[in-house]
């Protein structure tokens, strides 16, 4: 997976040192992560937030950390598919155990 340069957008804010700040929605589009995932990362302090005028912004350097740490984030549909497969396997194991217990009783 190749990483593109973090694009400049009209709503970005610039610090005097040149670091760019993005809204949650912009960061979501750049990283491909859902906004709720980014909020979770902010809450768990995996990435740091900056408040500008009462709104939450994320520095471009924080987004780079996410991209470097998670080069290929799993898609939600892949995660759901894996979870369903695990549930189906658990049900099959449970059913085999019940069948085995019933056979022992006979």
Protein backbone atom coordinates (compact mmCIF):
# COMPACT_ATOMS: atom_id res chain seq x y z
CA UNK A 1 0.00 0.00 0.00
CA UNK A 2 1.42 3.37 -0.95
CA UNK A 3 0.80 6.38 1.18
CA UNK A 4 -0.08 9.65 -0.43
CA UNK A 5 1.07 12.99 0.86
CA UNK A 6 -1.41 14.45 3.31
CA UNK A 7 -3.35 16.93 1.16
CA UNK A 8 -3.98 20.57 1.95
CA UNK A 9 -7.62 21.55 2.40
CA UNK A 10 -9.37 24.91 2.72
CA UNK A 11 -10.39 24.41 6.37
CA UNK A 12 -6.90 23.56 7.62
CA UNK A 13 -5.23 25.73 10.20
CA UNK A 14 -1.50 26.41 10.20
CA UNK A 15 0.70 26.87 13.20
CA UNK A 16 3.60 29.35 12.90
CA UNK A 17 6.02 26.40 12.68
CA UNK A 18 4.16 25.05 9.66
CA UNK A 19 2.35 22.00 11.10
CA UNK A 20 -1.07 21.50 9.50
CA UNK A 21 -4.24 20.76 11.50
CA UNK A 22 -7.21 18.73 10.23
CA UNK A 23 -10.79 18.30 11.39
CA UNK A 24 -12.01 14.83 12.32
CA UNK A 25 -13.81 14.52 8.98
CA UNK A 26 -10.70 15.56 7.02
CA UNK A 27 -8.52 13.18 9.04
CA UNK A 28 -11.04 10.41 8.36
CA UNK A 29 -10.82 10.96 4.61
CA UNK A 30 -7.02 11.12 4.68
CA UNK A 31 -6.48 7.98 6.76
CA UNK A 32 -9.45 5.94 5.57
CA UNK A 33 -10.52 5.42 9.19
CA UNK A 34 -14.05 6.10 10.39
CA UNK A 35 -14.58 9.28 12.45
CA UNK A 36 -15.65 7.21 15.48
CA UNK A 37 -12.36 5.28 15.27
CA UNK A 38 -10.44 8.56 15.33
CA UNK A 39 -12.49 9.75 18.32
CA UNK A 40 -11.58 6.49 20.06
CA UNK A 41 -7.89 7.05 19.34
CA UNK A 42 -8.20 10.56 20.76
CA UNK A 43 -9.96 9.28 23.90
CA UNK A 44 -7.35 6.58 24.47
CA UNK A 45 -4.53 9.10 23.83
CA UNK A 46 -3.18 7.04 20.92
CA UNK A 47 -3.09 10.34 19.07
CA UNK A 48 -3.22 13.83 20.55
CA UNK A 49 -5.79 16.50 19.82
CA UNK A 50 -5.47 20.26 19.59
CA UNK A 51 -8.36 22.62 20.31
CA UNK A 52 -8.57 25.59 17.96
CA UNK A 53 -11.47 27.96 18.52
CA UNK A 54 -13.35 25.29 20.47
CA UNK A 55 -13.08 22.67 17.73
CA UNK A 56 -10.95 19.53 17.83
CA UNK A 57 -8.15 19.34 15.32
CA UNK A 58 -5.50 16.71 14.67
CA UNK A 59 -1.98 17.64 13.62
CA UNK A 60 -0.62 16.18 10.38
CA UNK A 61 2.26 14.71 12.42
CA UNK A 62 -0.28 12.74 14.52
CA UNK A 63 -1.89 11.40 11.34
CA UNK A 64 1.53 10.34 10.11
CA UNK A 65 1.95 8.32 13.33
CA UNK A 66 -1.32 6.51 12.55
CA UNK A 67 -0.29 5.76 8.99
CA UNK A 68 3.16 4.49 10.03
CA UNK A 69 1.81 2.41 12.97
CA UNK A 70 -1.12 0.98 10.95
CA UNK A 71 0.02 0.75 7.33
CA UNK A 72 -2.98 -1.31 6.19
CA UNK A 73 -5.98 -0.93 8.47
CA UNK A 74 -8.53 -3.71 8.15
CA UNK A 75 -11.81 -2.76 6.61
CA UNK A 76 -14.93 -2.99 8.71
CA UNK A 77 -16.43 -5.62 6.42
CA UNK A 78 -13.34 -7.83 6.82
CA UNK A 79 -13.56 -7.55 10.61
CA UNK A 80 -17.27 -8.41 10.55
CA UNK A 81 -16.61 -11.41 8.32
CA UNK A 82 -13.91 -12.70 10.70
CA UNK A 83 -16.21 -12.20 13.70
CA UNK A 84 -19.04 -14.12 11.99
CA UNK A 85 -16.68 -16.96 11.09
CA UNK A 86 -15.47 -17.16 14.71
CA UNK A 87 -19.09 -17.23 15.97
CA UNK A 88 -20.00 -19.97 13.51
CA UNK A 89 -17.00 -22.03 14.66
CA UNK A 90 -18.00 -21.55 18.31
CA UNK A 91 -21.55 -22.71 17.54
CA UNK A 92 -20.22 -25.77 15.71
CA UNK A 93 -17.96 -26.69 18.63
CA UNK A 94 -20.81 -26.22 21.09
CA UNK A 95 -23.11 -28.38 18.95
CA UNK A 96 -20.47 -31.16 18.77
CA UNK A 97 -20.08 -31.09 22.56
CA UNK A 98 -23.87 -31.37 23.05
CA UNK A 99 -24.05 -34.28 20.59
CA UNK A 100 -21.15 -36.02 22.33
CA UNK A 101 -22.81 -35.63 25.76
CA UNK A 102 -26.09 -36.99 24.41
CA UNK A 103 -24.29 -40.04 22.96
CA UNK A 104 -22.56 -40.72 26.30
CA UNK A 105 -25.91 -40.75 28.13
CA UNK A 106 -27.32 -43.41 25.84
